Amino acid sequence: MEVVMPQSTVIESGAAVATLINVFTVRPERQRELADCLTAATDEVMRHVPGFVSANIHTSDDGERVVNYAQWESAADFQRMLQDPGAREHMDRAAAIADGFEPRLYTVDSVHHR
């Protein structure tokens, strides 16, 4: 049996991945609920969907934003995930908690290190 090692989030220009950055706006008293919802969605559904590479959930210090930085093997894989009933259920729940959200696919243009 082949052992598949989990992939980590690697941010590099020219990487052959589709990068999703979804910025959610949320009332501070619901930020934790939204972050927990996105974490559960990732653990329970997203990471099992073909093409998933990684996801990282970020919470802003002011309590008003939650950002999902995720990588998919391709934009087509991301689009197929949007049609998955289990994924849709979790996305609808997150949307109900948030005041708004702006999902966009990105290409890493450049990376800088100290």
PDB file of N, CA and C in Angstrom:
ATOM      1  N   MET A   1       0.847  -1.174   0.000  1.00  0.00           N
ATOM      2  CA  MET A   1       0.000   0.000   0.000  1.00  0.00           C
ATOM      3  C   MET A   1       0.895   1.241   0.000  1.00  0.00           C
ATOM      4  N   GLU A   2       0.570   2.183  -0.873  1.00  0.00           N
ATOM      5  CA  GLU A   2       1.315   3.432  -0.973  1.00  0.00           C
ATOM      6  C   GLU A   2       0.887   4.380   0.139  1.00  0.00           C
ATOM      7  N   VAL A   3       1.866   4.967   0.809  1.00  0.00           N
ATOM      8  CA  VAL A   3       1.581   5.952   1.848  1.00  0.00           C
ATOM      9  C   VAL A   3       1.669   7.328   1.212  1.00  0.00           C
ATOM     10  N   VAL A   4       0.603   8.101   1.317  1.00  0.00           N
ATOM     11  CA  VAL A   4       0.569   9.447   0.763  1.00  0.00           C
ATOM     12  C   VAL A   4       0.797  10.430   1.894  1.00  0.00           C
ATOM     13  N   MET A   5       1.847  11.201   1.779  1.00  0.00           N
ATOM     14  CA  MET A   5       2.158  12.193   2.806  1.00  0.00           C
ATOM     15  C   MET A   5       1.299  13.424   2.587  1.00  0.00           C
ATOM     16  N   PRO A   6       0.774  14.006   3.640  1.00  0.00           N
ATOM     17  CA  PRO A   6      -0.026  15.220   3.484  1.00  0.00           C
ATOM     18  C   PRO A   6       0.822  16.360   2.951  1.00  0.00           C
ATOM     19  N   GLN A   7       0.204  17.192   2.130  1.00  0.00           N
ATOM     20  CA  GLN A   7       0.900  18.347   1.602  1.00  0.00           C
ATOM     21  C   GLN A   7       0.731  19.527   2.551  1.00  0.00           C
ATOM     22  N   SER A   8       1.732  20.360   2.588  1.00  0.00           N
ATOM     23  CA  SER A   8       1.682  21.586   3.372  1.00  0.00           C
ATOM     24  C   SER A   8       1.398  22.746   2.440  1.00  0.00           C
ATOM     25  N   THR A   9       0.989  23.839   3.010  1.00  0.00           N
ATOM     26  CA  THR A   9       0.820  25.048   2.222  1.00  0.00           C
ATOM     27  C   THR A   9       2.198  25.590   1.893  1.00  0.00           C
ATOM     28  N   VAL A  10       2.483  25.652   0.615  1.00  0.00           N
ATOM     29  CA  VAL A  10       3.731  26.231   0.130  1.00  0.00           C
ATOM     30  C   VAL A  10       3.336  27.396  -0.753  1.00  0.00           C
ATOM     31  N   ILE A  11       3.816  28.571  -0.412  1.00  0.00           N
ATOM     32  CA  ILE A  11       3.482  29.764  -1.185  1.00  0.00           C
ATOM     33  C   ILE A  11       4.706  30.130  -2.012  1.00  0.00           C
ATOM     34  N   GLU A  12       4.585  29.953  -3.326  1.00  0.00           N
ATOM     35  CA  GLU A  12       5.675  30.308  -4.221  1.00  0.00           C
ATOM     36  C   GLU A  12       5.099  30.720  -5.565  1.00  0.00           C
ATOM     37  N   SER A  13       5.745  31.695  -6.176  1.00  0.00           N
ATOM     38  CA  SER A  13       5.280  32.141  -7.483  1.00  0.00           C
ATOM     39  C   SER A  13       5.477  31.002  -8.478  1.00  0.00           C
ATOM     40  N   GLY A  14       4.560  30.898  -9.407  1.00  0.00           N
ATOM     41  CA  GLY A  14       4.629  29.861 -10.419  1.00  0.00           C
ATOM     42  C   GLY A  14       4.176  28.497  -9.946  1.00  0.00           C
ATOM     43  N   ALA A  15       3.699  28.373  -8.698  1.00  0.00           N
ATOM     44  CA  ALA A  15       3.221  27.083  -8.199  1.00  0.00           C
ATOM     45  C   ALA A  15       2.009  26.640  -9.000  1.00  0.00           C
ATOM     46  N   ALA A  16       1.934  25.359  -9.249  1.00  0.00           N
ATOM     47  CA  ALA A  16       0.838  24.813 -10.046  1.00  0.00           C
ATOM     48  C   ALA A  16      -0.365  24.510  -9.162  1.00  0.00           C
ATOM     49  N   VAL A  17      -0.868  25.524  -8.477  1.00  0.00           N
ATOM     50  CA  VAL A  17      -2.066  25.386  -7.652  1.00  0.00           C
ATOM     51  C   VAL A  17      -2.967  26.587  -7.889  1.00  0.00           C
ATOM     52  N   ALA A  18      -4.233  26.392  -7.597  1.00  0.00           N
ATOM     53  CA  ALA A  18      -5.183  27.509  -7.585  1.00  0.00           C
ATOM     54  C   ALA A  18      -5.314  27.945  -6.137  1.00  0.00           C
ATOM     55  N   THR A  19      -5.130  29.215  -5.889  1.00  0.00           N
ATOM     56  CA  THR A  19      -5.174  29.747  -4.528  1.00  0.00           C
ATOM     57  C   THR A  19      -6.491  30.474  -4.306  1.00  0.00           C
ATOM     58  N   LEU A  20      -7.247  30.003  -3.331  1.00  0.00           N
ATOM     59  CA  LEU A  20      -8.484  30.663  -2.929  1.00  0.00           C
ATOM     60  C   LEU A  20      -8.179  31.550  -1.735  1.00  0.00           C
ATOM     61  N   ILE A  21      -8.555  32.814  -1.831  1.00  0.00           N
ATOM     62  CA  ILE A  21      -8.535  33.696  -0.666  1.00  0.00           C
ATOM     63  C   ILE A  21      -9.966  34.189  -0.502  1.00  0.00           C
ATOM     64  N   ASN A  22     -10.576  33.805   0.600  1.00  0.00           N
ATOM     65  CA  ASN A  22     -11.954  34.181   0.880  1.00  0.00           C
ATOM     66  C   ASN A  22     -11.962  35.014   2.152  1.00  0.00           C
ATOM     67  N   VAL A  23     -12.300  36.300   2.014  1.00  0.00           N
ATOM     68  CA  VAL A  23     -12.337  37.211   3.150  1.00  0.00           C
ATOM     69  C   VAL A  23     -13.786  37.344   3.612  1.00  0.00           C
ATOM     70  N   PHE A  24     -14.036  36.903   4.819  1.00  0.00           N
ATOM     71  CA  PHE A  24     -15.355  37.002   5.426  1.00  0.00           C
ATOM     72  C   PHE A  24     -15.387  38.203   6.357  1.00  0.00           C
ATOM     73  N   THR A  25     -16.449  38.974   6.311  1.00  0.00           N
ATOM     74  CA  THR A  25     -16.685  39.991   7.334  1.00  0.00           C
ATOM     75  C   THR A  25     -17.678  39.396   8.323  1.00  0.00           C
ATOM     76  N   VAL A  26     -17.498  39.738   9.587  1.00  0.00           N
ATOM     77  CA  VAL A  26     -18.291  39.109  10.635  1.00  0.00           C
ATOM     78  C   VAL A  26     -18.339  40.049  11.842  1.00  0.00           C
ATOM     79  N   ARG A  27     -19.414  39.956  12.603  1.00  0.00           N
ATOM     80  CA  ARG A  27     -19.465  40.704  13.858  1.00  0.00           C
ATOM     81  C   ARG A  27     -18.489  40.051  14.838  1.00  0.00           C
ATOM     82  N   PRO A  28     -17.772  40.856  15.605  1.00  0.00           N
ATOM     83  CA  PRO A  28     -16.752  40.294  16.506  1.00  0.00           C
ATOM     84  C   PRO A  28     -17.278  39.177  17.413  1.00  0.00           C
ATOM     85  N   GLU A  29     -18.507  39.299  17.869  1.00  0.00           N
ATOM     86  CA  GLU A  29     -19.040  38.261  18.762  1.00  0.00           C
ATOM     87  C   GLU A  29     -19.299  36.935  18.041  1.00  0.00           C
ATOM     88  N   ARG A  30     -19.221  36.928  16.705  1.00  0.00           N
ATOM     89  CA  ARG A  30     -19.439  35.687  15.943  1.00  0.00           C
ATOM     90  C   ARG A  30     -18.177  35.197  15.233  1.00  0.00           C
ATOM     91  N   GLN A  31     -17.058  35.911  15.424  1.00  0.00           N
ATOM     92  CA  GLN A  31     -15.834  35.525  14.729  1.00  0.00           C
ATOM     93  C   GLN A  31     -15.411  34.102  15.086  1.00  0.00           C
ATOM     94  N   ARG A  32     -15.392  33.767  16.357  1.00  0.00           N
ATOM     95  CA  ARG A  32     -14.972  32.418  16.771  1.00  0.00           C
ATOM     96  C   ARG A  32     -15.887  31.364  16.165  1.00  0.00           C
ATOM     97  N   GLU A  33     -17.185  31.614  16.167  1.00  0.00           N
ATOM     98  CA  GLU A  33     -18.152  30.673  15.598  1.00  0.00           C
ATOM     99  C   GLU A  33     -17.850  30.422  14.111  1.00  0.00           C
ATOM    100  N   LEU A  34     -17.550  31.494  13.382  1.00  0.00           N
ATOM    101  CA  LEU A  34     -17.255  31.362  11.959  1.00  0.00           C
ATOM    102  C   LEU A  34     -15.947  30.607  11.743  1.00  0.00           C
ATOM    103  N   ALA A  35     -14.910  30.953  12.492  1.00  0.00           N
ATOM    104  CA  ALA A  35     -13.630  30.250  12.357  1.00  0.00           C
ATOM    105  C   ALA A  35     -13.797  28.764  12.661  1.00  0.00           C
ATOM    106  N   ASP A  36     -14.557  28.447  13.699  1.00  0.00           N
ATOM    107  CA  ASP A  36     -14.803  27.046  14.051  1.00  0.00           C
ATOM    108  C   ASP A  36     -15.597  26.337  12.954  1.00  0.00           C
ATOM    109  N   CYS A  37     -16.554  27.034  12.359  1.00  0.00           N
ATOM    110  CA  CYS A  37     -17.348  26.471  11.270  1.00  0.00           C
ATOM    111  C   CYS A  37     -16.451  26.137  10.078  1.00  0.00           C
ATOM    112  N   LEU A  38     -15.569  27.053   9.719  1.00  0.00           N
ATOM    113  CA  LEU A  38     -14.669  26.820   8.581  1.00  0.00           C
ATOM    114  C   LEU A  38     -13.671  25.706   8.880  1.00  0.00           C
ATOM    115  N   THR A  39     -13.208  25.639  10.111  1.00  0.00           N
ATOM    116  CA  THR A  39     -12.297  24.569  10.503  1.00  0.00           C
ATOM    117  C   THR A  39     -12.994  23.217  10.419  1.00  0.00           C
ATOM    118  N   ALA A  40     -14.224  23.134  10.914  1.00  0.00           N
ATOM    119  CA  ALA A  40     -14.982  21.880  10.838  1.00  0.00           C
ATOM    120  C   ALA A  40     -15.248  21.500   9.382  1.00  0.00           C
ATOM    121  N   ALA A  41     -15.607  22.466   8.559  1.00  0.00           N
ATOM    122  CA  ALA A  41     -15.858  22.188   7.142  1.00  0.00           C
ATOM    123  C   ALA A  41     -14.608  21.610   6.491  1.00  0.00           C
ATOM    124  N   THR A  42     -13.463  22.167   6.827  1.00  0.00           N
ATOM    125  CA  THR A  42     -12.207  21.672   6.253  1.00  0.00           C
ATOM    126  C   THR A  42     -11.913  20.260   6.728  1.00  0.00           C
ATOM    127  N   ASP A  43     -12.028  20.035   8.039  1.00  0.00           N
ATOM    128  CA  ASP A  43     -11.732  18.713   8.599  1.00  0.00           C
ATOM    129  C   ASP A  43     -12.712  17.642   8.134  1.00  0.00           C
ATOM    130  N   GLU A  44     -13.989  17.989   8.086  1.00  0.00           N
ATOM    131  CA  GLU A  44     -15.021  16.997   7.801  1.00  0.00           C
ATOM    132  C   GLU A  44     -15.260  16.757   6.313  1.00  0.00           C
ATOM    133  N   VAL A  45     -15.077  17.786   5.488  1.00  0.00           N
ATOM    134  CA  VAL A  45     -15.452  17.656   4.075  1.00  0.00           C
ATOM    135  C   VAL A  45     -14.331  18.053   3.118  1.00  0.00           C
ATOM    136  N   MET A  46     -13.893  19.287   3.184  1.00  0.00           N
ATOM    137  CA  MET A  46     -13.031  19.838   2.141  1.00  0.00           C
ATOM    138  C   MET A  46     -11.757  19.021   1.904  1.00  0.00           C
ATOM    139  N   ARG A  47     -11.102  18.604   2.972  1.00  0.00           N
ATOM    140  CA  ARG A  47      -9.834  17.903   2.792  1.00  0.00           C
ATOM    141  C   ARG A  47     -10.002  16.537   2.140  1.00  0.00           C
ATOM    142  N   HIS A  48     -11.252  16.059   2.040  1.00  0.00           N
ATOM    143  CA  HIS A  48     -11.539  14.775   1.406  1.00  0.00           C
ATOM    144  C   HIS A  48     -11.982  14.932  -0.047  1.00  0.00           C
ATOM    145  N   VAL A  49     -12.166  16.155  -0.492  1.00  0.00           N
ATOM    146  CA  VAL A  49     -12.616  16.423  -1.858  1.00  0.00           C
ATOM    147  C   VAL A  49     -11.412  16.337  -2.791  1.00  0.00           C
ATOM    148  N   PRO A  50     -11.540  15.627  -3.918  1.00  0.00           N
ATOM    149  CA  PRO A  50     -10.414  15.533  -4.854  1.00  0.00           C
ATOM    150  C   PRO A  50      -9.908  16.919  -5.271  1.00  0.00           C
ATOM    151  N   GLY A  51      -8.598  17.070  -5.267  1.00  0.00           N
ATOM    152  CA  GLY A  51      -7.980  18.323  -5.667  1.00  0.00           C
ATOM    153  C   GLY A  51      -7.622  19.241  -4.513  1.00  0.00           C
ATOM    154  N   PHE A  52      -8.111  18.939  -3.315  1.00  0.00           N
ATOM    155  CA  PHE A  52      -7.777  19.759  -2.145  1.00  0.00           C
ATOM    156  C   PHE A  52      -6.296  19.603  -1.827  1.00  0.00           C
ATOM    157  N   VAL A  53      -5.620  20.715  -1.541  1.00  0.00           N
ATOM    158  CA  VAL A  53      -4.216  20.694  -1.141  1.00  0.00           C
ATOM    159  C   VAL A  53      -4.075  21.120   0.314  1.00  0.00           C
ATOM    160  N   SER A  54      -4.596  22.296   0.665  1.00  0.00           N
ATOM    161  CA  SER A  54      -4.438  22.798   2.031  1.00  0.00           C
ATOM    162  C   SER A  54      -5.431  23.923   2.282  1.00  0.00           C
ATOM    163  N   ALA A  55      -5.651  24.210   3.556  1.00  0.00           N
ATOM    164  CA  ALA A  55      -6.465  25.361   3.957  1.00  0.00           C
ATOM    165  C   ALA A  55      -5.901  25.919   5.253  1.00  0.00           C
ATOM    166  N   ASN A  56      -5.991  27.222   5.372  1.00  0.00           N
ATOM    167  CA  ASN A  56      -5.507  27.935   6.551  1.00  0.00           C
ATOM    168  C   ASN A  56      -6.561  28.972   6.916  1.00  0.00           C
ATOM    169  N   ILE A  57      -7.005  28.940   8.144  1.00  0.00           N
ATOM    170  CA  ILE A  57      -8.034  29.869   8.608  1.00  0.00           C
ATOM    171  C   ILE A  57      -7.352  30.924   9.481  1.00  0.00           C
ATOM    172  N   HIS A  58      -7.575  32.191   9.139  1.00  0.00           N
ATOM    173  CA  HIS A  58      -6.967  33.313   9.864  1.00  0.00           C
ATOM    174  C   HIS A  58      -8.072  34.171  10.476  1.00  0.00           C
ATOM    175  N   THR A  59      -7.856  34.650  11.692  1.00  0.00           N
ATOM    176  CA  THR A  59      -8.795  35.573  12.329  1.00  0.00           C
ATOM    177  C   THR A  59      -8.090  36.900  12.575  1.00  0.00           C
ATOM    178  N   SER A  60      -8.782  37.995  12.267  1.00  0.00           N
ATOM    179  CA  SER A  60      -8.187  39.315  12.466  1.00  0.00           C
ATOM    180  C   SER A  60      -8.214  39.688  13.943  1.00  0.00           C
ATOM    181  N   ASP A  61      -7.255  40.470  14.348  1.00  0.00           N
ATOM    182  CA  ASP A  61      -7.162  40.884  15.749  1.00  0.00           C
ATOM    183  C   ASP A  61      -8.334  41.760  16.168  1.00  0.00           C
ATOM    184  N   ASP A  62      -8.962  42.471  15.221  1.00  0.00           N
ATOM    185  CA  ASP A  62     -10.100  43.323  15.575  1.00  0.00           C
ATOM    186  C   ASP A  62     -11.418  42.555  15.645  1.00  0.00           C
ATOM    187  N   GLY A  63     -11.396  41.266  15.291  1.00  0.00           N
ATOM    188  CA  GLY A  63     -12.590  40.432  15.391  1.00  0.00           C
ATOM    189  C   GLY A  63     -13.547  40.555  14.230  1.00  0.00           C
ATOM    190  N   GLU A  64     -13.232  41.372  13.232  1.00  0.00           N
ATOM    191  CA  GLU A  64     -14.182  41.663  12.158  1.00  0.00           C
ATOM    192  C   GLU A  64     -13.953  40.898  10.869  1.00  0.00           C
ATOM    193  N   ARG A  65     -12.897  40.076  10.798  1.00  0.00           N
ATOM    194  CA  ARG A  65     -12.606  39.338   9.568  1.00  0.00           C
ATOM    195  C   ARG A  65     -12.162  37.918   9.907  1.00  0.00           C
ATOM    196  N   VAL A  66     -12.497  37.013   9.021  1.00  0.00           N
ATOM    197  CA  VAL A  66     -11.941  35.662   9.007  1.00  0.00           C
ATOM    198  C   VAL A  66     -11.523  35.426   7.563  1.00  0.00           C
ATOM    199  N   VAL A  67     -10.304  34.953   7.373  1.00  0.00           N
ATOM    200  CA  VAL A  67      -9.793  34.717   6.033  1.00  0.00           C
ATOM    201  C   VAL A  67      -9.470  33.240   5.872  1.00  0.00           C
ATOM    202  N   ASN A  68      -9.961  32.679   4.785  1.00  0.00           N
ATOM    203  CA  ASN A  68      -9.636  31.307   4.416  1.00  0.00           C
ATOM    204  C   ASN A  68      -8.657  31.387   3.246  1.00  0.00           C
ATOM    205  N   TYR A  69      -7.427  30.925   3.471  1.00  0.00           N
ATOM    206  CA  TYR A  69      -6.415  30.840   2.425  1.00  0.00           C
ATOM    207  C   TYR A  69      -6.286  29.360   2.102  1.00  0.00           C
ATOM    208  N   ALA A  70      -6.769  28.954   0.943  1.00  0.00           N
ATOM    209  CA  ALA A  70      -6.772  27.536   0.588  1.00  0.00           C
ATOM    210  C   ALA A  70      -6.119  27.326  -0.763  1.00  0.00           C
ATOM    211  N   GLN A  71      -5.571  26.140  -0.952  1.00  0.00           N
ATOM    212  CA  GLN A  71      -4.984  25.780  -2.227  1.00  0.00           C
ATOM    213  C   GLN A  71      -5.674  24.533  -2.778  1.00  0.00           C
ATOM    214  N   TRP A  72      -5.922  24.585  -4.076  1.00  0.00           N
ATOM    215  CA  TRP A  72      -6.514  23.476  -4.817  1.00  0.00           C
ATOM    216  C   TRP A  72      -5.579  23.123  -5.954  1.00  0.00           C
ATOM    217  N   GLU A  73      -5.568  21.867  -6.357  1.00  0.00           N
ATOM    218  CA  GLU A  73      -4.677  21.454  -7.440  1.00  0.00           C
ATOM    219  C   GLU A  73      -4.949  22.226  -8.726  1.00  0.00           C
ATOM    220  N   SER A  74      -6.198  22.620  -8.939  1.00  0.00           N
ATOM    221  CA  SER A  74      -6.539  23.395 -10.136  1.00  0.00           C
ATOM    222  C   SER A  74      -7.813  24.184  -9.889  1.00  0.00           C
ATOM    223  N   ALA A  75      -8.059  25.169 -10.735  1.00  0.00           N
ATOM    224  CA  ALA A  75      -9.309  25.926 -10.658  1.00  0.00           C
ATOM    225  C   ALA A  75     -10.493  25.001 -10.929  1.00  0.00           C
ATOM    226  N   ALA A  76     -10.312  24.024 -11.809  1.00  0.00           N
ATOM    227  CA  ALA A  76     -11.390  23.069 -12.097  1.00  0.00           C
ATOM    228  C   ALA A  76     -11.746  22.256 -10.854  1.00  0.00           C
ATOM    229  N   ASP A  77     -10.738  21.851 -10.080  1.00  0.00           N
ATOM    230  CA  ASP A  77     -11.010  21.124  -8.828  1.00  0.00           C
ATOM    231  C   ASP A  77     -11.798  21.999  -7.866  1.00  0.00           C
ATOM    232  N   PHE A  78     -11.421  23.263  -7.766  1.00  0.00           N
ATOM    233  CA  PHE A  78     -12.151  24.192  -6.905  1.00  0.00           C
ATOM    234  C   PHE A  78     -13.601  24.321  -7.374  1.00  0.00           C
ATOM    235  N   GLN A  79     -13.809  24.478  -8.666  1.00  0.00           N
ATOM    236  CA  GLN A  79     -15.168  24.613  -9.207  1.00  0.00           C
ATOM    237  C   GLN A  79     -15.998  23.351  -8.951  1.00  0.00           C
ATOM    238  N   ARG A  80     -15.383  22.173  -9.073  1.00  0.00           N
ATOM    239  CA  ARG A  80     -16.100  20.919  -8.785  1.00  0.00           C
ATOM    240  C   ARG A  80     -16.492  20.846  -7.314  1.00  0.00           C
ATOM    241  N   MET A  81     -15.603  21.321  -6.428  1.00  0.00           N
ATOM    242  CA  MET A  81     -15.920  21.323  -4.998  1.00  0.00           C
ATOM    243  C   MET A  81     -17.173  22.147  -4.730  1.00  0.00           C
ATOM    244  N   LEU A  82     -17.352  23.230  -5.460  1.00  0.00           N
ATOM    245  CA  LEU A  82     -18.521  24.084  -5.251  1.00  0.00           C
ATOM    246  C   LEU A  82     -19.831  23.353  -5.519  1.00  0.00           C
ATOM    247  N   GLN A  83     -19.772  22.271  -6.288  1.00  0.00           N
ATOM    248  CA  GLN A  83     -20.971  21.495  -6.603  1.00  0.00           C
ATOM    249  C   GLN A  83     -21.196  20.333  -5.631  1.00  0.00           C
ATOM    250  N   ASP A  84     -20.245  20.065  -4.762  1.00  0.00           N
ATOM    251  CA  ASP A  84     -20.336  18.958  -3.815  1.00  0.00           C
ATOM    252  C   ASP A  84     -21.385  19.285  -2.754  1.00  0.00           C
ATOM    253  N   PRO A  85     -22.402  18.430  -2.570  1.00  0.00           N
ATOM    254  CA  PRO A  85     -23.469  18.726  -1.600  1.00  0.00           C
ATOM    255  C   PRO A  85     -22.964  18.924  -0.171  1.00  0.00           C
ATOM    256  N   GLY A  86     -22.002  18.119   0.269  1.00  0.00           N
ATOM    257  CA  GLY A  86     -21.457  18.282   1.616  1.00  0.00           C
ATOM    258  C   GLY A  86     -20.720  19.596   1.775  1.00  0.00           C
ATOM    259  N   ALA A  87     -19.976  19.965   0.760  1.00  0.00           N
ATOM    260  CA  ALA A  87     -19.268  21.243   0.792  1.00  0.00           C
ATOM    261  C   ALA A  87     -20.264  22.400   0.785  1.00  0.00           C
ATOM    262  N   ARG A  88     -21.293  22.298  -0.044  1.00  0.00           N
ATOM    263  CA  ARG A  88     -22.318  23.348  -0.125  1.00  0.00           C
ATOM    264  C   ARG A  88     -22.980  23.566   1.234  1.00  0.00           C
ATOM    265  N   GLU A  89     -23.267  22.486   1.934  1.00  0.00           N
ATOM    266  CA  GLU A  89     -23.906  22.590   3.254  1.00  0.00           C
ATOM    267  C   GLU A  89     -23.044  23.422   4.204  1.00  0.00           C
ATOM    268  N   HIS A  90     -21.753  23.130   4.244  1.00  0.00           N
ATOM    269  CA  HIS A  90     -20.857  23.878   5.123  1.00  0.00           C
ATOM    270  C   HIS A  90     -20.691  25.325   4.661  1.00  0.00           C
ATOM    271  N   MET A  91     -20.589  25.531   3.356  1.00  0.00           N
ATOM    272  CA  MET A  91     -20.441  26.897   2.844  1.00  0.00           C
ATOM    273  C   MET A  91     -21.675  27.732   3.149  1.00  0.00           C
ATOM    274  N   ASP A  92     -22.852  27.122   3.047  1.00  0.00           N
ATOM    275  CA  ASP A  92     -24.086  27.844   3.373  1.00  0.00           C
ATOM    276  C   ASP A  92     -24.134  28.209   4.850  1.00  0.00           C
ATOM    277  N   ARG A  93     -23.656  27.312   5.699  1.00  0.00           N
ATOM    278  CA  ARG A  93     -23.632  27.596   7.141  1.00  0.00           C
ATOM    279  C   ARG A  93     -22.689  28.759   7.438  1.00  0.00           C
ATOM    280  N   ALA A  94     -21.501  28.742   6.831  1.00  0.00           N
ATOM    281  CA  ALA A  94     -20.546  29.835   7.034  1.00  0.00           C
ATOM    282  C   ALA A  94     -21.132  31.151   6.534  1.00  0.00           C
ATOM    283  N   ALA A  95     -21.790  31.105   5.389  1.00  0.00           N
ATOM    284  CA  ALA A  95     -22.393  32.323   4.825  1.00  0.00           C
ATOM    285  C   ALA A  95     -23.469  32.881   5.756  1.00  0.00           C
ATOM    286  N   ALA A  96     -24.184  32.008   6.453  1.00  0.00           N
ATOM    287  CA  ALA A  96     -25.228  32.457   7.376  1.00  0.00           C
ATOM    288  C   ALA A  96     -24.643  33.132   8.618  1.00  0.00           C
ATOM    289  N   ILE A  97     -23.440  32.752   9.003  1.00  0.00           N
ATOM    290  CA  ILE A  97     -22.787  33.349  10.171  1.00  0.00           C
ATOM    291  C   ILE A  97     -22.166  34.694   9.800  1.00  0.00           C
ATOM    292  N   ALA A  98     -21.582  34.754   8.619  1.00  0.00           N
ATOM    293  CA  ALA A  98     -20.861  35.954   8.176  1.00  0.00           C
ATOM    294  C   ALA A  98     -21.827  37.047   7.738  1.00  0.00           C
ATOM    295  N   ASP A  99     -21.343  38.284   7.802  1.00  0.00           N
ATOM    296  CA  ASP A  99     -22.105  39.411   7.255  1.00  0.00           C
ATOM    297  C   ASP A  99     -21.863  39.537   5.757  1.00  0.00           C
ATOM    298  N   GLY A 100     -20.740  39.033   5.297  1.00  0.00           N
ATOM    299  CA  GLY A 100     -20.395  39.068   3.879  1.00  0.00           C
ATOM    300  C   GLY A 100     -19.143  38.258   3.637  1.00  0.00           C
ATOM    301  N   PHE A 101     -18.877  37.963   2.383  1.00  0.00           N
ATOM    302  CA  PHE A 101     -17.672  37.212   2.038  1.00  0.00           C
ATOM    303  C   PHE A 101     -17.322  37.473   0.581  1.00  0.00           C
ATOM    304  N   GLU A 102     -16.034  37.352   0.270  1.00  0.00           N
ATOM    305  CA  GLU A 102     -15.534  37.628  -1.078  1.00  0.00           C
ATOM    306  C   GLU A 102     -14.527  36.565  -1.497  1.00  0.00           C
ATOM    307  N   PRO A 103     -15.010  35.418  -2.000  1.00  0.00           N
ATOM    308  CA  PRO A 103     -14.078  34.388  -2.462  1.00  0.00           C
ATOM    309  C   PRO A 103     -13.529  34.736  -3.846  1.00  0.00           C
ATOM    310  N   ARG A 104     -12.223  34.601  -4.006  1.00  0.00           N
ATOM    311  CA  ARG A 104     -11.571  34.836  -5.293  1.00  0.00           C
ATOM    312  C   ARG A 104     -10.430  33.848  -5.453  1.00  0.00           C
ATOM    313  N   LEU A 105     -10.207  33.386  -6.683  1.00  0.00           N
ATOM    314  CA  LEU A 105      -9.028  32.581  -6.988  1.00  0.00           C
ATOM    315  C   LEU A 105      -7.902  33.515  -7.393  1.00  0.00           C
ATOM    316  N   TYR A 106      -6.708  33.211  -6.919  1.00  0.00           N
ATOM    317  CA  TYR A 106      -5.534  34.043  -7.170  1.00  0.00           C
ATOM    318  C   TYR A 106      -4.382  33.196  -7.690  1.00  0.00           C
ATOM    319  N   THR A 107      -3.440  33.881  -8.309  1.00  0.00           N
ATOM    320  CA  THR A 107      -2.148  33.314  -8.680  1.00  0.00           C
ATOM    321  C   THR A 107      -1.100  34.046  -7.862  1.00  0.00           C
ATOM    322  N   VAL A 108      -0.186  33.309  -7.262  1.00  0.00           N
ATOM    323  CA  VAL A 108       0.878  33.948  -6.486  1.00  0.00           C
ATOM    324  C   VAL A 108       1.808  34.652  -7.473  1.00  0.00           C
ATOM    325  N   ASP A 109       1.924  35.939  -7.324  1.00  0.00           N
ATOM    326  CA  ASP A 109       2.725  36.753  -8.239  1.00  0.00           C
ATOM    327  C   ASP A 109       4.183  36.825  -7.806  1.00  0.00           C
ATOM    328  N   SER A 110       4.406  37.018  -6.508  1.00  0.00           N
ATOM    329  CA  SER A 110       5.778  37.050  -6.006  1.00  0.00           C
ATOM    330  C   SER A 110       5.770  36.712  -4.526  1.00  0.00           C
ATOM    331  N   VAL A 111       6.910  36.250  -4.041  1.00  0.00           N
ATOM    332  CA  VAL A 111       7.093  35.878  -2.640  1.00  0.00           C
ATOM    333  C   VAL A 111       8.404  36.501  -2.183  1.00  0.00           C
ATOM    334  N   HIS A 112       8.408  37.074  -0.994  1.00  0.00           N
ATOM    335  CA  HIS A 112       9.603  37.741  -0.458  1.00  0.00           C
ATOM    336  C   HIS A 112       9.885  37.240   0.946  1.00  0.00           C
ATOM    337  N   HIS A 113      11.129  37.085   1.260  1.00  0.00           N
ATOM    338  CA  HIS A 113      11.551  36.644   2.589  1.00  0.00           C
ATOM    339  C   HIS A 113      12.610  37.589   3.128  1.00  0.00           C
ATOM    340  N   ARG A 114      12.719  37.614   4.404  1.00  0.00           N
ATOM    341  CA  ARG A 114      13.733  38.442   5.050  1.00  0.00           C
ATOM    342  C   ARG A 114      15.082  37.820   4.881  1.00  0.00           C
TER     343      ARG A 114
END
